[in-house]
Amino acid sequence: MTTENQSPDEQSDSSALRQRVLRSGVAAFVMLSIVAVDPVLAQDSVVCDAEGLPDMISGFFQITTALGIMGLVVVWQADSLVEMFTMNIEQKKSLKQHKRTALKSAVILVILGPLYTVAGAAMGLPLAECVNLVPW
């Protein structure tokens, strides 16, 4: 059905029908959101109450941070080694840029955990109360 072949009355009926469907869809979404979110809001701290889960999350974060720092060391050393044998100035610039990018990634990785811990505690997030995301 195209709007070009429809009369103005049919177009207004079609538009009204779309608006009713849209309104009923929005109303259903709001009702579902209220019903589905209400039990979740009633729970205090499911993550903190789970046995061993906070320690597992903290350990995972510490392992990934350690692997990220070791990755930075490997990339930095490999780029420095390749840079010693590179004669082209463009390639040396590219290697220096790659080293800077690796360093930025490692700094973000190390800062992210403590930042979440501080900001999460300030915002009252339940995960920040029981999970230690500081890598040291």
C-alpha atoms as a PDB file:
ATOM      1  CA  MET A   1       0.000   0.000   0.000  1.00  0.00           C
ATOM      2  CA  THR A   2       1.424   3.332  -0.988  1.00  0.00           C
ATOM      3  CA  THR A   3       0.240   6.675   0.249  1.00  0.00           C
ATOM      4  CA  GLU A   4       0.071   8.006  -3.325  1.00  0.00           C
ATOM      5  CA  ASN A   5      -2.846   5.689  -4.215  1.00  0.00           C
ATOM      6  CA  GLN A   6      -4.763   6.353  -0.993  1.00  0.00           C
ATOM      7  CA  SER A   7      -7.345   9.009  -0.433  1.00  0.00           C
ATOM      8  CA  PRO A   8      -6.783  11.614   2.311  1.00  0.00           C
ATOM      9  CA  ASP A   9      -9.300   9.804   4.561  1.00  0.00           C
ATOM     10  CA  GLU A  10      -7.446   6.500   4.192  1.00  0.00           C
ATOM     11  CA  GLN A  11      -4.136   8.227   4.911  1.00  0.00           C
ATOM     12  CA  SER A  12      -5.481   9.799   8.126  1.00  0.00           C
ATOM     13  CA  ASP A  13      -6.957   6.433   9.205  1.00  0.00           C
ATOM     14  CA  SER A  14      -3.623   4.747   8.542  1.00  0.00           C
ATOM     15  CA  SER A  15      -1.771   7.436  10.458  1.00  0.00           C
ATOM     16  CA  ALA A  16      -4.170   7.185  13.385  1.00  0.00           C
ATOM     17  CA  LEU A  17      -3.787   3.405  13.443  1.00  0.00           C
ATOM     18  CA  ARG A  18       0.023   3.719  13.511  1.00  0.00           C
ATOM     19  CA  GLN A  19      -0.202   6.192  16.391  1.00  0.00           C
ATOM     20  CA  ARG A  20      -2.471   3.845  18.384  1.00  0.00           C
ATOM     21  CA  VAL A  21      -0.124   0.914  17.803  1.00  0.00           C
ATOM     22  CA  LEU A  22       2.842   3.044  18.822  1.00  0.00           C
ATOM     23  CA  ARG A  23       1.085   4.246  21.989  1.00  0.00           C
ATOM     24  CA  SER A  24       0.055   0.737  22.971  1.00  0.00           C
ATOM     25  CA  GLY A  25       3.619  -0.500  22.329  1.00  0.00           C
ATOM     26  CA  VAL A  26       5.074   2.250  24.517  1.00  0.00           C
ATOM     27  CA  ALA A  27       2.528   1.530  27.243  1.00  0.00           C
ATOM     28  CA  ALA A  28       3.331  -2.187  27.130  1.00  0.00           C
ATOM     29  CA  PHE A  29       7.054  -1.427  27.325  1.00  0.00           C
ATOM     30  CA  VAL A  30       6.584   0.840  30.354  1.00  0.00           C
ATOM     31  CA  MET A  31       4.425  -1.726  32.149  1.00  0.00           C
ATOM     32  CA  LEU A  32       6.878  -4.528  31.380  1.00  0.00           C
ATOM     33  CA  SER A  33       9.769  -2.392  32.580  1.00  0.00           C
ATOM     34  CA  ILE A  34       8.041  -1.694  35.875  1.00  0.00           C
ATOM     35  CA  VAL A  35       7.157  -5.343  36.428  1.00  0.00           C
ATOM     36  CA  ALA A  36      10.558  -6.689  35.354  1.00  0.00           C
ATOM     37  CA  VAL A  37      12.702  -4.140  37.197  1.00  0.00           C
ATOM     38  CA  ASP A  38      10.804  -4.178  40.483  1.00  0.00           C
ATOM     39  CA  PRO A  39      12.158  -7.549  41.731  1.00  0.00           C
ATOM     40  CA  VAL A  40      15.696  -6.545  40.787  1.00  0.00           C
ATOM     41  CA  LEU A  41      15.429  -3.333  42.774  1.00  0.00           C
ATOM     42  CA  ALA A  42      14.230  -5.297  45.793  1.00  0.00           C
ATOM     43  CA  GLN A  43      17.471  -7.310  45.935  1.00  0.00           C
ATOM     44  CA  ASP A  44      20.153  -5.678  48.045  1.00  0.00           C
ATOM     45  CA  SER A  45      23.397  -7.086  46.719  1.00  0.00           C
ATOM     46  CA  VAL A  46      23.261 -10.350  44.843  1.00  0.00           C
ATOM     47  CA  VAL A  47      26.906 -10.102  43.767  1.00  0.00           C
ATOM     48  CA  CYS A  48      28.161  -9.571  47.307  1.00  0.00           C
ATOM     49  CA  ASP A  49      26.025 -12.416  48.677  1.00  0.00           C
ATOM     50  CA  ALA A  50      27.284 -14.950  46.125  1.00  0.00           C
ATOM     51  CA  GLU A  51      29.874 -17.250  47.614  1.00  0.00           C
ATOM     52  CA  GLY A  52      33.329 -16.623  46.119  1.00  0.00           C
ATOM     53  CA  LEU A  53      32.079 -14.389  43.293  1.00  0.00           C
ATOM     54  CA  PRO A  54      33.642 -11.130  44.568  1.00  0.00           C
ATOM     55  CA  ASP A  55      37.020 -12.843  45.008  1.00  0.00           C
ATOM     56  CA  MET A  56      36.743 -14.397  41.554  1.00  0.00           C
ATOM     57  CA  ILE A  57      36.010 -11.018  39.940  1.00  0.00           C
ATOM     58  CA  SER A  58      38.899  -9.383  41.832  1.00  0.00           C
ATOM     59  CA  GLY A  59      41.282 -12.180  40.829  1.00  0.00           C
ATOM     60  CA  PHE A  60      40.226 -11.968  37.192  1.00  0.00           C
ATOM     61  CA  PHE A  61      40.835  -8.229  37.160  1.00  0.00           C
ATOM     62  CA  GLN A  62      44.263  -8.637  38.759  1.00  0.00           C
ATOM     63  CA  ILE A  63      45.252 -11.337  36.252  1.00  0.00           C
ATOM     64  CA  THR A  64      44.128  -9.286  33.247  1.00  0.00           C
ATOM     65  CA  THR A  65      45.949  -6.221  34.560  1.00  0.00           C
ATOM     66  CA  ALA A  66      49.146  -8.229  35.084  1.00  0.00           C
ATOM     67  CA  LEU A  67      48.877  -9.715  31.587  1.00  0.00           C
ATOM     68  CA  GLY A  68      48.320  -6.238  30.148  1.00  0.00           C
ATOM     69  CA  ILE A  69      51.439  -4.885  31.850  1.00  0.00           C
ATOM     70  CA  MET A  70      53.488  -7.874  30.686  1.00  0.00           C
ATOM     71  CA  GLY A  71      52.119  -7.329  27.174  1.00  0.00           C
ATOM     72  CA  LEU A  72      53.254  -3.699  27.345  1.00  0.00           C
ATOM     73  CA  VAL A  73      56.775  -4.794  28.303  1.00  0.00           C
ATOM     74  CA  VAL A  74      56.929  -7.316  25.448  1.00  0.00           C
ATOM     75  CA  VAL A  75      55.596  -4.842  22.867  1.00  0.00           C
ATOM     76  CA  TRP A  76      57.904  -2.085  24.114  1.00  0.00           C
ATOM     77  CA  GLN A  77      60.985  -4.319  23.955  1.00  0.00           C
ATOM     78  CA  ALA A  78      60.076  -5.769  20.549  1.00  0.00           C
ATOM     79  CA  ASP A  79      59.453  -2.316  19.095  1.00  0.00           C
ATOM     80  CA  SER A  80      62.753  -1.049  20.529  1.00  0.00           C
ATOM     81  CA  LEU A  81      64.611  -3.993  19.025  1.00  0.00           C
ATOM     82  CA  VAL A  82      63.033  -3.527  15.600  1.00  0.00           C
ATOM     83  CA  GLU A  83      63.648   0.224  15.831  1.00  0.00           C
ATOM     84  CA  MET A  84      67.402  -0.387  16.244  1.00  0.00           C
ATOM     85  CA  PHE A  85      67.559  -2.215  12.906  1.00  0.00           C
ATOM     86  CA  THR A  86      65.205   0.096  11.014  1.00  0.00           C
ATOM     87  CA  MET A  87      66.770   2.649   8.716  1.00  0.00           C
ATOM     88  CA  ASN A  88      63.638   4.276   7.326  1.00  0.00           C
ATOM     89  CA  ILE A  89      62.498   7.376   9.256  1.00  0.00           C
ATOM     90  CA  GLU A  90      58.812   6.700   8.484  1.00  0.00           C
ATOM     91  CA  GLN A  91      59.047   3.231  10.018  1.00  0.00           C
ATOM     92  CA  LYS A  92      60.781   4.599  13.116  1.00  0.00           C
ATOM     93  CA  LYS A  93      57.978   7.125  13.566  1.00  0.00           C
ATOM     94  CA  SER A  94      55.439   4.347  13.172  1.00  0.00           C
ATOM     95  CA  LEU A  95      57.204   2.214  15.802  1.00  0.00           C
ATOM     96  CA  LYS A  96      57.356   5.133  18.248  1.00  0.00           C
ATOM     97  CA  GLN A  97      53.645   5.742  17.700  1.00  0.00           C
ATOM     98  CA  HIS A  98      52.964   2.039  18.351  1.00  0.00           C
ATOM     99  CA  LYS A  99      54.955   2.214  21.608  1.00  0.00           C
ATOM    100  CA  ARG A 100      52.990   5.290  22.712  1.00  0.00           C
ATOM    101  CA  THR A 101      49.694   3.555  21.941  1.00  0.00           C
ATOM    102  CA  ALA A 102      50.747   0.484  23.941  1.00  0.00           C
ATOM    103  CA  LEU A 103      51.752   2.702  26.869  1.00  0.00           C
ATOM    104  CA  LYS A 104      48.416   4.554  26.791  1.00  0.00           C
ATOM    105  CA  SER A 105      46.536   1.244  26.794  1.00  0.00           C
ATOM    106  CA  ALA A 106      48.490  -0.032  29.794  1.00  0.00           C
ATOM    107  CA  VAL A 107      47.935   3.206  31.726  1.00  0.00           C
ATOM    108  CA  ILE A 108      44.197   3.013  31.061  1.00  0.00           C
ATOM    109  CA  LEU A 109      44.167  -0.617  32.174  1.00  0.00           C
ATOM    110  CA  VAL A 110      45.937   0.191  35.446  1.00  0.00           C
ATOM    111  CA  ILE A 111      43.835   3.292  36.194  1.00  0.00           C
ATOM    112  CA  LEU A 112      40.449   1.773  35.302  1.00  0.00           C
ATOM    113  CA  GLY A 113      40.096  -0.501  38.369  1.00  0.00           C
ATOM    114  CA  PRO A 114      40.830   2.083  41.077  1.00  0.00           C
ATOM    115  CA  LEU A 115      38.744   4.654  39.208  1.00  0.00           C
ATOM    116  CA  TYR A 116      35.750   2.298  39.132  1.00  0.00           C
ATOM    117  CA  THR A 117      36.236   1.469  42.805  1.00  0.00           C
ATOM    118  CA  VAL A 118      36.224   5.137  43.820  1.00  0.00           C
ATOM    119  CA  ALA A 119      33.486   6.258  41.424  1.00  0.00           C
ATOM    120  CA  GLY A 120      31.357   3.170  42.130  1.00  0.00           C
ATOM    121  CA  ALA A 121      31.529   3.736  45.868  1.00  0.00           C
ATOM    122  CA  ALA A 122      30.602   7.399  45.375  1.00  0.00           C
ATOM    123  CA  MET A 123      27.608   6.420  43.205  1.00  0.00           C
ATOM    124  CA  GLY A 124      26.566   3.587  45.502  1.00  0.00           C
ATOM    125  CA  LEU A 125      27.036   0.783  42.976  1.00  0.00           C
ATOM    126  CA  PRO A 126      26.728  -2.618  44.677  1.00  0.00           C
ATOM    127  CA  LEU A 127      29.697  -4.175  42.877  1.00  0.00           C
ATOM    128  CA  ALA A 128      32.074  -1.471  44.128  1.00  0.00           C
ATOM    129  CA  GLU A 129      31.175  -2.220  47.745  1.00  0.00           C
ATOM    130  CA  CYS A 130      32.384  -5.816  47.787  1.00  0.00           C
ATOM    131  CA  VAL A 131      34.772  -6.265  44.851  1.00  0.00           C
ATOM    132  CA  ASN A 132      38.332  -4.961  45.030  1.00  0.00           C
ATOM    133  CA  LEU A 133      39.380  -3.852  41.554  1.00  0.00           C
ATOM    134  CA  VAL A 134      42.676  -2.315  42.591  1.00  0.00           C
ATOM    135  CA  PRO A 135      45.358  -4.395  40.846  1.00  0.00           C
ATOM    136  CA  TRP A 136      47.954  -4.186  43.627  1.00  0.00           C
END
